[in-house]
Protein backbone atom coordinates (compact mmCIF):
# COMPACT_ATOMS: atom_id res chain seq x y z
CA MET A 1 10.22 18.27 2.84
CA SER A 2 6.95 17.21 1.35
CA TYR A 3 5.45 13.72 1.47
CA TYR A 4 6.96 12.74 -2.26
CA GLU A 5 10.32 14.38 -1.19
CA PHE A 6 9.87 11.73 2.11
CA TRP A 7 9.19 8.43 0.46
CA GLN A 8 11.64 9.39 -1.80
CA LYS A 9 14.81 9.10 1.28
CA TYR A 10 12.79 7.66 3.49
CA ARG A 11 14.54 4.13 5.30
CA LEU A 12 16.59 3.37 2.17
CA ILE A 13 17.83 0.05 2.97
CA PRO A 14 19.49 -2.78 1.36
CA ILE A 15 16.59 -5.53 0.50
CA GLN A 16 17.84 -8.62 1.62
CA SER A 17 14.37 -10.72 2.99
CA GLN A 18 11.05 -10.25 4.60
CA SER A 19 11.97 -8.78 7.42
CA ASP A 20 13.79 -5.88 5.06
CA LEU A 21 11.25 -5.33 3.67
CA LEU A 22 8.74 -4.76 6.64
CA PHE A 23 11.84 -2.51 8.28
CA GLN A 24 11.00 -0.14 5.48
CA VAL A 25 8.13 0.68 5.28
CA GLY A 26 7.90 0.57 9.05
CA LYS A 27 5.84 -2.68 10.70
CA THR A 28 7.83 -1.88 13.36
CA VAL A 29 6.92 -1.99 17.29
CA MET A 30 9.48 -0.54 19.27
CA GLY A 31 11.79 -0.26 16.55
CA ALA A 32 11.68 -4.23 16.08
CA VAL A 33 10.49 -5.92 13.01
CA ILE A 34 7.07 -7.35 13.97
CA ASN A 35 6.57 -10.86 13.92
CA GLN A 36 5.04 -13.56 11.55
CA ASP A 37 2.01 -14.31 13.66
CA GLN A 38 1.69 -10.16 13.68
CA PHE A 39 2.42 -9.80 9.68
CA ASP A 40 -0.10 -12.81 8.76
CA GLN A 41 -3.28 -10.95 10.98
CA ILE A 42 -2.18 -8.04 8.76
CA VAL A 43 -3.06 -10.24 5.48
CA ASN A 44 -5.19 -12.03 6.74
CA SER A 45 -7.69 -9.70 7.93
CA ALA A 46 -7.22 -7.84 4.58
CA SER A 47 -8.47 -11.07 2.24
CA GLU A 48 -10.95 -11.32 4.40
CA ALA A 49 -12.07 -7.59 4.21
CA LEU A 50 -11.47 -7.45 0.27
CA LYS A 51 -13.15 -10.86 -0.40
CA LEU A 52 -10.81 -11.82 -2.78
CA CYS A 53 -11.19 -14.29 -4.57
CA SER A 54 -8.90 -16.14 -8.02
CA SER A 55 -10.87 -13.90 -10.42
CA ASP A 56 -10.31 -10.97 -8.23
CA ARG A 57 -8.16 -8.40 -10.66
CA PHE A 58 -6.47 -5.91 -7.06
CA MET A 59 -4.62 -2.55 -7.41
CA ASP A 60 -3.24 -1.81 -3.95
CA LEU A 61 -2.54 1.78 -3.82
CA CYS A 62 0.72 3.05 -1.95
CA CYS A 63 2.05 -0.59 -1.67
CA GLY A 64 5.02 0.83 -0.87
CA ASN A 65 7.84 -1.64 -1.82
CA GLY A 66 4.69 -4.16 -2.18
CA VAL A 67 5.54 -6.81 1.49
CA LEU A 68 1.89 -6.92 1.67
CA THR A 69 0.44 -6.38 -1.84
CA ALA A 70 2.97 -9.31 -2.49
CA GLU A 71 1.03 -11.38 0.28
CA LEU A 72 -2.42 -10.48 -1.38
CA THR A 73 -1.21 -11.59 -5.17
CA PRO A 74 -2.03 -15.34 -5.67
CA LYS A 75 -5.86 -14.87 -3.94
CA VAL A 76 -6.45 -13.07 -7.30
CA SER A 77 -5.72 -12.97 -11.19
CA ARG A 78 -4.30 -9.86 -11.80
CA THR A 79 -3.02 -7.98 -9.38
CA ILE A 80 -0.84 -3.88 -9.70
CA GLY A 81 0.28 -2.46 -6.90
CA ILE A 82 0.75 1.46 -6.89
CA ASP A 83 3.05 4.08 -5.47
CA PHE A 84 5.21 7.05 -5.95
CA SER A 85 8.20 6.45 -4.51
CA LEU A 86 10.56 5.25 -7.41
CA PRO A 87 13.24 3.16 -4.97
CA TYR A 88 10.32 0.93 -2.89
CA ILE A 89 8.83 0.39 -6.64
CA GLU A 90 12.29 -0.93 -7.53
CA ASN A 91 12.85 -3.22 -4.46
CA ALA A 92 9.39 -4.30 -5.01
CA LYS A 93 10.08 -4.92 -8.76
CA ASN A 94 13.89 -6.69 -7.25
CA PHE A 95 12.48 -8.66 -4.54
CA PHE A 96 8.77 -9.52 -6.50
CA ASN A 97 8.90 -12.23 -8.93
CA ILE A 98 5.07 -12.94 -9.64
CA GLU A 99 3.92 -14.05 -12.55
CA ASN A 100 0.43 -11.68 -11.71
CA LEU A 101 1.66 -8.96 -10.25
CA GLU A 102 2.94 -5.79 -11.86
CA PHE A 103 4.56 -2.87 -9.54
CA ILE A 104 3.87 1.18 -11.49
CA GLN A 105 5.00 4.21 -10.16
CA SER A 106 3.06 6.25 -10.55
CA ASP A 107 1.15 9.48 -7.61
CA VAL A 108 -2.60 7.10 -7.06
CA LYS A 109 -3.64 10.68 -6.95
CA ASN A 110 -3.52 10.54 -11.08
CA ILE A 111 -5.91 7.16 -10.15
CA HIS A 112 -8.01 8.53 -13.36
CA LEU A 113 -4.94 8.33 -15.75
CA PHE A 114 -4.14 4.87 -14.93
CA VAL A 115 -7.10 3.53 -15.15
CA GLU A 116 -6.85 5.00 -18.93
CA ASP A 117 -3.68 4.78 -19.59
CA TYR A 118 -3.67 0.63 -18.58
CA GLN A 119 -6.66 -0.32 -19.41
CA PHE A 120 -7.36 -2.23 -15.99
CA ILE A 121 -10.82 -1.97 -14.19
CA PRO A 122 -9.52 -3.48 -11.24
CA ASP A 123 -12.58 -5.37 -8.88
CA LYS A 124 -10.58 -4.99 -5.61
CA VAL A 125 -8.72 -1.70 -4.77
CA MET A 126 -6.32 -1.16 -1.41
CA LEU A 127 -5.59 1.77 -0.23
CA TYR A 128 -3.39 0.80 3.59
CA ASP A 129 -1.10 2.79 5.79
CA ALA A 130 -1.98 5.86 3.77
CA LEU A 131 -4.73 7.75 4.27
CA ALA A 132 -2.85 10.06 6.75
CA TYR A 133 -0.95 11.21 3.38
CA PHE A 134 -3.73 12.86 2.31
CA THR A 135 -5.31 15.70 2.58
CA PRO A 136 -9.20 16.17 2.66
CA ASN A 137 -9.51 17.25 -0.30
CA GLU A 138 -6.45 15.22 -2.17
CA PHE A 139 -8.68 11.90 -0.89
CA ASP A 140 -11.92 13.23 -2.17
CA SER A 141 -10.53 13.31 -5.26
CA ILE A 142 -8.76 9.66 -5.06
CA MET A 143 -12.61 8.03 -4.06
CA HIS A 144 -14.08 9.70 -7.00
CA ALA A 145 -11.75 8.21 -9.18
CA ILE A 146 -12.32 4.82 -7.86
CA TRP A 147 -15.62 5.16 -7.84
CA LYS A 148 -16.03 5.55 -11.50
CA VAL A 149 -14.03 2.68 -12.21
CA LEU A 150 -15.21 0.15 -9.25
CA PRO A 151 -17.74 -1.86 -10.57
CA TYR A 152 -21.23 -2.07 -8.72
CA ASN A 153 -19.92 -4.47 -6.66
CA GLY A 154 -16.66 -3.92 -6.13
CA ILE A 155 -15.18 -3.61 -2.69
CA PHE A 156 -12.84 -0.16 -1.66
CA TYR A 157 -10.77 -1.48 1.46
CA ILE A 158 -8.67 1.56 3.24
CA GLY A 159 -6.96 -0.79 6.06
CA SER A 160 -4.58 0.57 9.51
CA ILE A 161 -6.18 4.35 9.82
CA PRO A 162 -4.72 5.74 12.76
CA GLU A 163 -6.66 7.14 15.18
CA ARG A 164 -6.17 10.95 16.14
CA GLU A 165 -7.00 10.58 19.92
CA LYS A 166 -4.22 8.05 20.26
CA LYS A 167 -1.51 9.70 17.87
CA ASN A 168 0.36 11.27 20.39
CA ARG A 169 0.99 8.03 22.00
CA PHE A 170 2.60 6.37 19.39
CA TYR A 171 4.62 9.60 17.50
CA ASN A 172 5.93 10.25 21.95
CA SER A 173 8.75 11.16 21.19
CA PRO A 174 11.12 13.07 18.47
CA ARG A 175 12.51 10.82 16.54
CA ARG A 176 8.91 8.97 15.70
CA ARG A 177 7.79 12.40 15.11
CA ILE A 178 10.94 13.01 12.63
CA GLU A 179 10.32 8.99 11.26
């Protein structure tokens, strides 16, 4: 099964709360959704790394259901979240109604086309919890496309990068290897 097929079907649950959104994107420890303090740490860490300010145009690549994107949006002038999973983008659109936030279903590997079509030049770009899903060549292509549009003083933040040496501690059961 390709990653594309996987993310069209993975954890498709009825979304009633932020807790459901966190569960859907795998923000769990031992199967339980992380608590608010843990989520706030993720939000604050990303916000600080990106040095977000009210004039920024922010782009969240592989935004999933937008749970992190929506928390960062009030800090900027405009946000676009992009993900190729239509069910996740639909959940984001249904759950978050924020005036300066737009969710778009698209493959981030085609980011250069997106920037041209939408005429959205971001100051800050984030790729969170997604690096492991790209081949080195795909990531190289994404990097080149971002560097072409990101201003000189722009920031590209890559968060939650799994450590290769520790992956077997996390993927330590047949169930975790499947999910």
